[in-house]
Amino acid sequence: MMVQQHRKRVLFYLCKISVVMAILYLARLDTKLNDFINKKIKGFSKQITDVPSKAKYEVNKTLVARMAEVNLDEYEAKLNTHASNERVIILALVDAAFFDMTLNFYETSIEKYNITNYLFIASDYQTCEIFVNKDIHCYVYMIDNNANKATIYKSFAFNQKMNIRTYFILDALKLGFTVLHTDVDIVFFSNPLENLYSSVHSDVACLSDNGVCNAGFIYIKPSNFSIDIYRRMKNLALETKLDDQTALNRALASVRKQNGKVMKRHQLLDINKYQCGLKYFEQGHRYFADSATCPQCIVVHNNWIVSKEAKRYRFREVLLWSYDDNGYYSNDTAKYLIYSNAPTTKLYSSNTEIDALKTALYLGHVLSRVVILPRFHLYDTKSSTKQGAERPLNNWIKMSSFDDQFYKKYRERSFLDHIKVPLRIRRNITSPFWIKTHQSITMIGEHPPGVNVLAPTDENSVTTEEIVKWFGRERSVILKFHSLYGIFGNSSIPASEVSLCEKLKF
């Protein structure tokens, strides 16, 4: 009986193959059959939609294997150790790639407000060991092979890393813990738990990311509803290449379609108190240390900007960065060079300021000084109201590429306003110098007030030798220039500096 059934199946599939071969043969004879063939192909594809592709199957297999390695008993013990008496815990995913960002988050948001019910969830043992040695709560939940890489936003590796958050949040919820999950590119202006306890009356409450739920700051109670949401997110992570924020909003939407009362089970937090990067930085016009304050703010997320380098620079410019990495602020031996952008003529443009930056980096290279950036300005814009508006460097330059070449060679404009920069450094500054050339006169005028004027032998351009002669033995910590427009004539640096010219092609 079984042999007969087997023969029937073989004959059935042979018939199907024959039909397909016949169709392909006829197609060679008559191209009008293409529509017919396409319909057949679509019909076959519908039958196999539930079968995962090879790539999809491999991803699922990898994730399932990694999840099988999670030690739930050990994880529960860690949660019990660090959660509050009410079983509330702050969880944050950390890795080697965002080590400095994590320490900044710890200093500005955890340590500053004496928060103890937190746990950093690491994806590699080395990073976690460093945190533990600093008496920072840390636990390795799941290993990620990309832990030491700053993955590109929305890339497959990025989404895989972000989905680890879904797994450890779901496990914590199933164990009965209320979770405040936070990204580390966030700064608390006060302890958010104090406000969340009284203001959240739903199961899920998240920071509004321009109207959608932000998975990077979300308060979740251990209810059947929230567990169901994160189970749906977990399934999406296993079956698709979506990141956790897209999966979260898709899961909420899928439940909303099934139950019209879902809006009562989750909420967006007050956008005036919990702000995303778009609202706080861009719409709030907060670019420098003297920008408008936000007395009502509780949490600010440094998103709506791409790359770790850009996030770090943005935090530093508004004095929301605290981590003094290798004496970044407190170095006793470093010397600095500072200059300004002072537009005064119609010849002025954004390119003029970028050329001046290249000049400053060249002078810093020659004089072994770190360049303190100026404020940059909007020019060549269609809106007259924006002409001359002040903006930071990342408005023009990709900071990840800039940092590849000059990370240790510059400081942000707000550097000298930082509390960790010693007063003896801030006060040890020269009076401003101005190098007089034909081009600098064209840009600035004959003689800016209150400056020390230096005239090179060649009226068209200063030489490197003259720069070293004038400033090479300057003992002041900060060497100040009025401006640096046109000191090398029509070039930003001497053409002979071929290697540096290549670096300056940012």
Protein backbone atom coordinates (compact mmCIF):
# COMPACT_ATOMS: atom_id res chain seq x y z
CA MET A 1 0.00 0.00 0.00
CA MET A 2 2.79 2.43 0.95
CA VAL A 3 4.71 1.58 -2.23
CA GLN A 4 1.68 2.40 -4.35
CA GLN A 5 1.24 5.77 -2.59
CA HIS A 6 4.89 6.56 -3.16
CA ARG A 7 4.56 5.74 -6.88
CA LYS A 8 1.52 8.02 -7.15
CA ARG A 9 3.45 10.93 -5.55
CA VAL A 10 6.38 10.42 -7.92
CA LEU A 11 4.06 10.34 -10.94
CA PHE A 12 2.27 13.48 -9.66
CA TYR A 13 5.50 15.50 -9.40
CA LEU A 14 6.74 14.16 -12.76
CA CYS A 15 3.51 15.39 -14.34
CA LYS A 16 3.99 18.85 -12.79
CA ILE A 17 7.53 19.00 -14.12
CA SER A 18 6.30 17.98 -17.56
CA VAL A 19 3.69 20.74 -17.53
CA VAL A 20 6.29 23.37 -16.63
CA MET A 21 8.68 22.11 -19.32
CA ALA A 22 5.90 22.23 -21.87
CA ILE A 23 5.02 25.79 -20.92
CA LEU A 24 8.63 26.87 -21.26
CA TYR A 25 8.89 25.18 -24.67
CA LEU A 26 5.75 26.90 -25.93
CA ALA A 27 7.06 30.21 -24.62
CA ARG A 28 9.97 29.93 -27.00
CA LEU A 29 7.50 29.55 -29.84
CA ASP A 30 5.04 32.24 -28.88
CA THR A 31 5.92 35.18 -26.62
CA LYS A 32 2.22 35.83 -26.09
CA LEU A 33 2.25 33.03 -23.54
CA ASN A 34 4.36 35.13 -21.14
CA ASP A 35 1.30 36.38 -19.27
CA PHE A 36 0.13 32.83 -18.84
CA ILE A 37 3.53 31.75 -17.51
CA ASN A 38 3.63 34.69 -15.05
CA LYS A 39 0.23 33.69 -13.68
CA LYS A 40 1.45 30.15 -13.17
CA ILE A 41 4.59 31.36 -11.42
CA LYS A 42 2.52 33.57 -9.12
CA GLY A 43 0.33 30.61 -8.33
CA PHE A 44 3.30 28.48 -7.41
CA SER A 45 4.81 31.30 -5.30
CA LYS A 46 1.62 31.57 -3.24
CA GLN A 47 1.99 27.92 -2.29
CA ILE A 48 5.50 28.43 -0.90
CA THR A 49 5.10 31.74 1.00
CA ASP A 50 5.15 29.90 4.31
CA VAL A 51 8.47 28.24 3.51
CA PRO A 52 11.40 30.40 4.70
CA SER A 53 14.13 31.33 2.24
CA LYS A 54 17.62 29.96 2.84
CA ALA A 55 18.86 33.29 4.22
CA LYS A 56 15.81 33.71 6.42
CA TYR A 57 16.15 30.19 7.78
CA GLU A 58 19.80 30.76 8.65
CA VAL A 59 18.96 33.97 10.52
CA ASN A 60 16.19 32.23 12.47
CA LYS A 61 18.48 29.34 13.30
CA THR A 62 21.16 31.70 14.61
CA LEU A 63 18.74 33.67 16.76
CA VAL A 64 17.14 30.56 18.19
CA ALA A 65 20.57 29.18 19.06
CA ARG A 66 21.57 32.42 20.81
CA MET A 67 18.31 32.56 22.74
CA ALA A 68 18.78 28.96 23.88
CA GLU A 69 22.00 30.02 25.60
CA VAL A 70 20.22 32.51 27.88
CA ASN A 71 20.32 31.41 31.52
CA LEU A 72 16.92 32.56 32.83
CA ASP A 73 17.60 31.53 36.43
CA GLU A 74 20.79 33.56 36.50
CA TYR A 75 19.07 36.49 34.78
CA GLU A 76 16.21 36.42 37.29
CA ALA A 77 18.71 36.42 40.15
CA LYS A 78 20.40 39.53 38.72
CA LEU A 79 17.07 41.28 38.29
CA ASN A 80 16.06 40.45 41.87
CA THR A 81 19.40 41.79 43.14
CA HIS A 82 19.15 45.17 41.44
CA ALA A 83 15.41 45.88 41.12
CA SER A 84 13.57 48.09 43.61
CA ASN A 85 11.34 46.64 46.31
CA GLU A 86 8.42 47.23 43.94
CA ARG A 87 10.21 45.05 41.33
CA VAL A 88 10.96 48.02 39.05
CA ILE A 89 14.19 47.90 37.05
CA ILE A 90 15.91 50.17 34.50
CA LEU A 91 17.45 48.11 31.71
CA ALA A 92 19.85 49.33 28.99
CA LEU A 93 21.68 47.43 26.27
CA VAL A 94 25.41 48.17 26.25
CA ASP A 95 28.36 47.00 24.17
CA ALA A 96 31.96 47.81 23.36
CA ALA A 97 31.07 50.02 20.40
CA PHE A 98 29.12 52.44 22.62
CA PHE A 99 31.37 52.15 25.67
CA ASP A 100 32.00 55.89 26.01
CA MET A 101 28.33 56.72 25.37
CA THR A 102 27.35 54.25 28.10
CA LEU A 103 29.73 55.79 30.63
CA ASN A 104 28.35 59.22 29.75
CA PHE A 105 24.82 57.94 30.34
CA TYR A 106 25.90 56.47 33.66
CA GLU A 107 27.54 59.70 34.84
CA THR A 108 24.83 62.11 33.64
CA SER A 109 21.74 60.03 34.39
CA ILE A 110 22.33 57.13 36.80
CA GLU A 111 25.09 58.23 39.15
CA LYS A 112 24.00 61.88 39.18
CA TYR A 113 20.54 61.05 40.58
CA ASN A 114 21.68 58.18 42.83
CA ILE A 115 19.62 55.62 40.89
CA THR A 116 20.39 52.09 42.08
CA ASN A 117 17.64 49.95 40.49
CA TYR A 118 19.29 49.59 37.11
CA LEU A 119 21.10 46.86 35.17
CA PHE A 120 23.23 47.25 32.05
CA ILE A 121 22.66 44.30 29.71
CA ALA A 122 25.89 43.55 27.83
CA SER A 123 26.39 41.53 24.68
CA ASP A 124 30.06 40.72 25.33
CA TYR A 125 31.98 39.65 28.43
CA GLN A 126 34.93 42.04 28.13
CA THR A 127 32.77 45.17 28.24
CA CYS A 128 30.72 43.86 31.13
CA GLU A 129 33.85 43.04 33.11
CA ILE A 130 35.08 46.63 32.75
CA PHE A 131 31.77 47.98 34.02
CA VAL A 132 31.70 45.57 36.96
CA ASN A 133 35.23 46.66 37.90
CA LYS A 134 33.88 50.21 38.02
CA ASP A 135 31.07 49.05 40.37
CA ILE A 136 28.50 49.49 37.61
CA HIS A 137 25.74 46.87 37.49
CA CYS A 138 26.16 44.68 34.42
CA TYR A 139 25.07 41.27 33.16
CA VAL A 140 25.84 39.37 29.93
CA TYR A 141 22.46 38.24 28.65
CA MET A 142 23.32 37.22 25.08
CA ILE A 143 26.49 37.32 22.99
CA ASP A 144 26.52 39.52 19.88
CA ASN A 145 29.34 39.11 17.36
CA ASN A 146 28.98 42.79 16.42
CA ALA A 147 29.34 44.06 19.98
CA ASN A 148 32.58 45.92 19.21
CA LYS A 149 31.23 47.56 16.04
CA ALA A 150 29.15 50.72 15.76
CA THR A 151 26.67 49.26 13.29
CA ILE A 152 25.02 51.44 10.65
CA TYR A 153 21.50 52.58 11.47
CA LYS A 154 18.82 50.30 9.93
CA SER A 155 21.45 47.83 8.66
CA PHE A 156 20.85 44.13 9.22
CA ALA A 157 23.56 43.97 11.92
CA PHE A 158 22.04 47.04 13.63
CA ASN A 159 18.56 45.49 13.65
CA GLN A 160 19.89 42.20 15.03
CA LYS A 161 21.63 44.07 17.84
CA MET A 162 18.53 46.12 18.66
CA ASN A 163 16.33 43.03 18.79
CA ILE A 164 18.34 41.68 21.73
CA ARG A 165 16.43 44.32 23.71
CA THR A 166 13.14 42.67 22.80
CA TYR A 167 14.29 39.35 24.23
CA PHE A 168 15.59 40.58 27.58
CA ILE A 169 12.60 42.87 28.10
CA LEU A 170 10.17 40.03 27.36
CA ASP A 171 11.95 37.71 29.78
CA ALA A 172 11.91 40.39 32.51
CA LEU A 173 8.18 40.98 31.99
CA LYS A 174 7.41 37.27 32.17
CA LEU A 175 9.37 37.16 35.43
CA GLY A 176 7.06 39.84 36.85
CA PHE A 177 9.28 42.95 36.67
CA THR A 178 8.20 46.42 35.61
CA VAL A 179 10.80 47.59 33.09
CA LEU A 180 11.99 51.04 32.15
CA HIS A 181 14.04 50.38 29.07
CA THR A 182 16.36 53.18 27.96
CA ASP A 183 18.96 53.69 25.27
CA VAL A 184 22.34 55.00 26.37
CA ASP A 185 22.26 57.98 23.97
CA ILE A 186 19.84 59.55 26.43
CA VAL A 187 20.26 62.05 29.26
CA PHE A 188 18.00 62.30 32.31
CA PHE A 189 17.36 65.80 33.65
CA SER A 190 15.82 64.20 36.75
CA ASN A 191 14.95 60.68 37.87
CA PRO A 192 12.18 59.73 35.39
CA LEU A 193 10.80 57.00 37.62
CA GLU A 194 9.45 59.58 40.04
CA ASN A 195 7.28 61.06 37.27
CA LEU A 196 6.42 57.74 35.61
CA TYR A 197 5.04 56.27 38.85
CA SER A 198 2.39 58.98 39.02
CA SER A 199 1.73 59.79 35.36
CA VAL A 200 1.55 56.38 33.66
CA HIS A 201 -1.78 54.59 34.02
CA SER A 202 -1.43 52.24 31.04
CA ASP A 203 0.56 49.04 30.52
CA VAL A 204 2.99 50.50 27.98
CA ALA A 205 4.18 54.12 27.87
CA CYS A 206 6.86 55.34 25.51
CA LEU A 207 8.64 58.50 24.44
CA SER A 208 7.03 59.99 21.34
CA ASP A 209 9.35 59.82 18.35
CA ASN A 210 7.59 62.39 16.21
CA GLY A 211 4.29 60.64 16.83
CA VAL A 212 5.37 56.99 16.96
CA CYS A 213 6.39 54.86 19.92
CA ASN A 214 10.14 55.07 20.62
CA ALA A 215 11.51 51.67 21.64
CA GLY A 216 14.59 53.40 23.08
CA PHE A 217 12.69 54.83 26.05
CA ILE A 218 9.69 52.81 27.14
CA TYR A 219 8.04 52.02 30.47
CA ILE A 220 6.36 48.59 30.54
CA LYS A 221 4.30 46.90 33.24
CA PRO A 222 4.21 43.07 33.40
CA SER A 223 0.63 42.61 32.14
CA ASN A 224 -0.79 40.10 29.69
CA PHE A 225 -1.13 42.94 27.17
CA SER A 226 2.51 44.05 27.32
CA ILE A 227 3.78 40.46 27.29
CA ASP A 228 1.65 39.80 24.21
CA ILE A 229 3.11 42.88 22.51
CA TYR A 230 6.68 41.76 23.15
CA ARG A 231 5.91 38.20 22.07
CA ARG A 232 4.69 39.60 18.77
CA MET A 233 7.89 41.67 18.53
CA LYS A 234 9.96 38.55 19.22
CA ASN A 235 8.18 36.66 16.43
CA LEU A 236 8.78 39.55 14.04
CA ALA A 237 12.46 39.53 14.99
CA LEU A 238 12.69 35.83 14.22
CA GLU A 239 10.77 36.00 10.97
CA THR A 240 11.86 39.34 9.47
CA LYS A 241 14.76 41.78 9.37
CA LEU A 242 12.88 44.54 11.21
CA ASP A 243 14.44 46.57 14.03
CA ASP A 244 12.70 46.55 17.41
CA GLN A 245 11.12 50.00 17.06
CA THR A 246 9.43 49.10 13.78
CA ALA A 247 8.39 45.77 15.30
CA LEU A 248 7.00 47.52 18.39
CA ASN A 249 4.80 49.88 16.40
CA ARG A 250 3.72 47.08 14.08
CA ALA A 251 2.81 44.90 17.06
CA LEU A 252 0.79 47.72 18.64
CA ALA A 253 -0.98 48.29 15.30
CA SER A 254 -1.81 44.61 14.92
CA VAL A 255 -3.40 44.50 18.36
CA ARG A 256 -5.22 47.75 17.73
CA LYS A 257 -6.90 46.22 14.68
CA GLN A 258 -8.14 43.31 16.78
CA ASN A 259 -9.25 45.30 19.79
CA GLY A 260 -10.60 48.83 19.53
CA LYS A 261 -9.82 49.52 23.20
CA VAL A 262 -6.08 49.10 22.82
CA MET A 263 -5.43 52.84 23.06
CA LYS A 264 -6.25 52.64 26.75
CA ARG A 265 -3.52 50.07 27.24
CA HIS A 266 -0.62 52.11 25.91
CA GLN A 267 0.27 55.81 25.74
CA LEU A 268 2.81 58.29 24.46
CA LEU A 269 4.56 60.22 27.20
CA ASP A 270 4.23 64.00 27.54
CA ILE A 271 6.22 65.41 24.61
CA ASN A 272 7.24 68.47 26.62
CA LYS A 273 8.83 66.34 29.33
CA TYR A 274 10.15 63.44 27.26
CA GLN A 275 11.70 64.76 24.06
CA CYS A 276 13.21 63.08 21.03
CA GLY A 277 16.21 64.56 19.21
CA LEU A 278 14.07 66.23 16.57
CA LYS A 279 12.05 68.18 19.11
CA TYR A 280 14.80 69.02 21.60
CA PHE A 281 17.73 69.84 19.31
CA GLU A 282 16.35 70.76 15.90
CA GLN A 283 12.92 72.22 16.61
CA GLY A 284 14.20 73.67 19.90
CA HIS A 285 17.24 75.24 18.16
CA ARG A 286 19.59 73.86 20.83
CA TYR A 287 23.02 73.66 19.25
CA PHE A 288 25.45 75.24 21.73
CA ALA A 289 26.03 75.69 25.46
CA ASP A 290 24.15 79.00 25.57
CA SER A 291 21.05 77.64 23.80
CA ALA A 292 17.66 77.87 25.47
CA THR A 293 17.22 75.68 28.54
CA CYS A 294 14.37 73.20 29.01
CA PRO A 295 13.19 73.45 32.63
CA GLN A 296 10.26 71.06 32.04
CA CYS A 297 12.39 68.35 30.39
CA ILE A 298 12.87 65.03 32.18
CA VAL A 299 14.44 62.96 29.37
CA VAL A 300 16.14 63.87 26.09
CA HIS A 301 16.95 61.28 23.43
CA ASN A 302 19.90 62.06 21.17
CA ASN A 303 18.33 60.52 18.07
CA TRP A 304 17.30 61.89 14.66
CA ILE A 305 20.99 61.98 13.85
CA VAL A 306 23.17 59.27 12.30
CA SER A 307 26.41 57.81 13.73
CA LYS A 308 27.86 57.57 17.20
CA GLU A 309 30.38 60.28 16.36
CA ALA A 310 27.65 62.77 15.47
CA LYS A 311 25.70 61.94 18.65
CA ARG A 312 28.81 62.43 20.79
CA TYR A 313 29.67 65.75 19.14
CA ARG A 314 26.10 67.00 19.53
CA PHE A 315 26.06 66.09 23.24
CA ARG A 316 29.39 67.84 23.78
CA GLU A 317 28.30 71.05 22.07
CA VAL A 318 25.29 71.43 24.42
CA LEU A 319 27.28 70.34 27.51
CA LEU A 320 25.36 67.09 27.96
CA TRP A 321 28.58 65.06 27.83
CA SER A 322 30.39 64.31 31.09
CA TYR A 323 32.75 61.40 30.47
CA ASP A 324 36.36 62.67 30.64
CA ASP A 325 37.89 60.03 28.37
CA ASN A 326 41.70 60.03 28.79
CA GLY A 327 41.65 63.60 30.09
CA TYR A 328 39.56 64.93 27.20
CA TYR A 329 38.64 67.92 29.40
CA SER A 330 41.25 67.84 32.14
CA ASN A 331 44.52 67.24 30.24
CA ASP A 332 47.24 69.33 31.90
CA THR A 333 49.74 69.19 29.05
CA ALA A 334 47.57 69.88 25.98
CA LYS A 335 47.71 73.22 24.19
CA TYR A 336 44.90 74.67 22.12
CA LEU A 337 44.20 76.98 19.20
CA ILE A 338 40.95 78.90 19.00
CA TYR A 339 39.54 81.14 16.27
CA SER A 340 36.23 82.65 15.20
CA ASN A 341 34.10 82.87 12.10
CA ALA A 342 33.09 86.50 11.65
CA PRO A 343 31.22 87.05 8.37
CA THR A 344 31.30 90.64 7.17
CA THR A 345 31.23 90.71 3.37
CA LYS A 346 29.14 89.50 0.43
CA LEU A 347 32.01 87.20 -0.55
CA TYR A 348 31.27 85.15 2.52
CA SER A 349 29.82 81.63 2.23
CA SER A 350 29.69 78.30 4.06
CA ASN A 351 32.65 77.15 1.95
CA THR A 352 34.66 80.07 3.32
CA GLU A 353 34.19 78.72 6.82
CA ILE A 354 35.13 75.17 5.82
CA ASP A 355 38.31 76.54 4.22
CA ALA A 356 39.09 78.38 7.47
CA LEU A 357 38.59 75.12 9.36
CA LYS A 358 41.11 73.41 7.11
CA THR A 359 43.55 76.26 7.79
CA ALA A 360 43.01 75.88 11.54
CA LEU A 361 43.64 72.13 11.40
CA TYR A 362 46.83 72.77 9.45
CA LEU A 363 48.04 75.32 12.03
CA GLY A 364 47.15 72.88 14.80
CA HIS A 365 49.22 70.23 13.04
CA VAL A 366 52.23 72.53 12.63
CA LEU A 367 52.08 73.97 16.16
CA SER A 368 51.02 70.74 17.96
CA ARG A 369 47.84 72.35 19.24
CA VAL A 370 44.28 71.04 19.47
CA VAL A 371 41.80 73.14 17.48
CA ILE A 372 38.77 74.47 19.36
CA LEU A 373 36.01 74.75 16.76
CA PRO A 374 34.18 78.02 16.08
CA ARG A 375 30.48 78.47 15.44
CA PHE A 376 29.52 77.98 11.83
CA HIS A 377 26.81 79.82 9.93
CA LEU A 378 24.10 79.08 7.41
CA TYR A 379 24.74 80.72 4.05
CA ASP A 380 23.68 80.12 0.47
CA THR A 381 20.19 79.23 1.72
CA LYS A 382 16.94 80.10 -0.03
CA SER A 383 15.48 81.45 3.21
CA SER A 384 16.65 84.95 4.08
CA THR A 385 15.67 84.38 7.72
CA LYS A 386 18.29 81.65 8.02
CA GLN A 387 21.14 83.64 6.50
CA GLY A 388 23.89 83.79 9.10
CA ALA A 389 22.13 81.53 11.63
CA GLU A 390 24.63 79.73 13.87
CA ARG A 391 25.02 75.97 13.53
CA PRO A 392 27.53 73.33 14.70
CA LEU A 393 29.98 71.57 12.39
CA ASN A 394 27.84 68.46 11.83
CA ASN A 395 25.45 70.62 9.82
CA TRP A 396 27.98 70.39 6.94
CA ILE A 397 30.35 67.54 7.66
CA LYS A 398 29.84 63.82 8.27
CA MET A 399 31.30 63.48 11.76
CA SER A 400 32.21 59.80 11.45
CA SER A 401 34.51 60.60 8.51
CA PHE A 402 35.86 63.71 10.23
CA ASP A 403 36.66 61.76 13.40
CA ASP A 404 38.47 59.08 11.42
CA GLN A 405 41.14 61.68 10.70
CA PHE A 406 40.92 64.30 13.43
CA TYR A 407 39.21 62.85 16.52
CA LYS A 408 42.01 63.80 18.93
CA LYS A 409 42.88 66.97 17.04
CA TYR A 410 39.83 69.13 17.81
CA ARG A 411 37.39 70.14 20.52
CA GLU A 412 33.84 71.43 20.27
CA ARG A 413 33.05 75.15 20.53
CA SER A 414 31.60 74.73 24.04
CA PHE A 415 34.74 73.01 25.32
CA LEU A 416 35.98 75.91 27.45
CA ASP A 417 32.55 76.21 29.11
CA HIS A 418 32.70 72.66 30.48
CA ILE A 419 32.97 72.36 34.24
CA LYS A 420 35.74 69.75 33.98
CA VAL A 421 38.08 72.08 32.07
CA PRO A 422 40.31 73.63 34.78
CA LEU A 423 40.17 77.40 35.24
CA ARG A 424 43.94 77.66 34.74
CA ILE A 425 43.42 76.39 31.19
CA ARG A 426 40.48 78.67 30.40
CA ARG A 427 42.28 81.78 31.63
CA ASN A 428 45.67 81.12 30.05
CA ILE A 429 44.86 82.61 26.66
CA THR A 430 46.59 85.09 24.35
CA SER A 431 45.04 88.27 22.97
CA PRO A 432 43.73 87.70 19.42
CA PHE A 433 46.05 87.65 16.42
CA TRP A 434 45.17 88.51 12.83
CA ILE A 435 47.39 87.64 9.86
CA LYS A 436 47.18 90.35 7.21
CA THR A 437 47.15 89.25 3.56
CA HIS A 438 45.41 90.63 0.47
CA GLN A 439 42.75 87.93 0.78
CA SER A 440 42.16 88.38 4.53
CA ILE A 441 41.79 92.13 3.98
CA THR A 442 39.21 91.43 1.29
CA MET A 443 37.29 89.19 3.66
CA ILE A 444 37.55 91.16 6.90
CA GLY A 445 38.65 94.70 6.21
CA GLU A 446 41.82 96.68 6.68
CA HIS A 447 42.25 96.28 10.42
CA PRO A 448 39.85 94.51 12.81
CA PRO A 449 39.72 96.32 16.18
CA GLY A 450 41.54 94.98 19.23
CA VAL A 451 43.85 92.52 17.47
CA ASN A 452 47.59 91.97 17.11
CA VAL A 453 48.30 92.36 13.39
CA LEU A 454 51.01 90.22 11.79
CA ALA A 455 52.07 90.83 8.20
CA PRO A 456 53.92 88.14 6.22
CA THR A 457 56.74 89.00 3.85
CA ASP A 458 54.64 87.97 0.90
CA GLU A 459 51.45 90.06 0.98
CA ASN A 460 49.56 87.26 -0.71
CA SER A 461 50.28 84.44 1.73
CA VAL A 462 51.90 83.58 5.01
CA THR A 463 54.51 80.78 5.04
CA THR A 464 54.76 77.80 7.38
CA GLU A 465 58.14 79.10 8.52
CA GLU A 466 56.58 82.41 9.57
CA ILE A 467 53.83 80.58 11.47
CA VAL A 468 56.42 78.58 13.41
CA LYS A 469 58.56 81.68 14.01
CA TRP A 470 55.63 83.70 15.38
CA PHE A 471 53.86 81.04 17.43
CA GLY A 472 56.14 78.00 17.81
CA ARG A 473 57.40 79.07 21.24
CA GLU A 474 54.15 80.53 22.53
CA ARG A 475 53.73 79.30 26.11
CA SER A 476 50.10 80.24 26.60
CA VAL A 477 47.78 77.23 26.76
CA ILE A 478 45.33 78.80 24.31
CA LEU A 479 46.52 80.59 21.16
CA LYS A 480 43.73 82.84 19.91
CA PHE A 481 43.14 84.11 16.38
CA HIS A 482 40.58 86.70 15.35
CA SER A 483 39.86 84.73 12.14
CA LEU A 484 41.74 82.63 9.60
CA TYR A 485 40.26 83.65 6.25
CA GLY A 486 42.69 83.84 3.35
CA ILE A 487 45.97 83.70 5.26
CA PHE A 488 47.32 81.29 2.61
CA GLY A 489 45.87 83.36 -0.21
CA ASN A 490 43.29 81.46 -2.23
CA SER A 491 44.26 78.13 -0.64
CA SER A 492 43.28 76.76 2.77
CA ILE A 493 46.74 75.24 3.37
CA PRO A 494 50.07 75.18 1.50
CA ALA A 495 49.82 72.98 -1.59
CA SER A 496 53.08 71.28 -0.60
CA GLU A 497 51.32 69.53 2.28
CA VAL A 498 50.10 66.68 0.08
CA SER A 499 49.37 64.12 2.84
CA LEU A 500 47.37 66.58 4.93
CA CYS A 501 45.54 67.80 1.83
CA GLU A 502 44.20 64.28 1.37
CA LYS A 503 42.96 64.15 4.96
CA LEU A 504 41.27 67.51 4.57
CA LYS A 505 39.04 66.30 1.73
CA PHE A 506 36.14 65.85 4.12
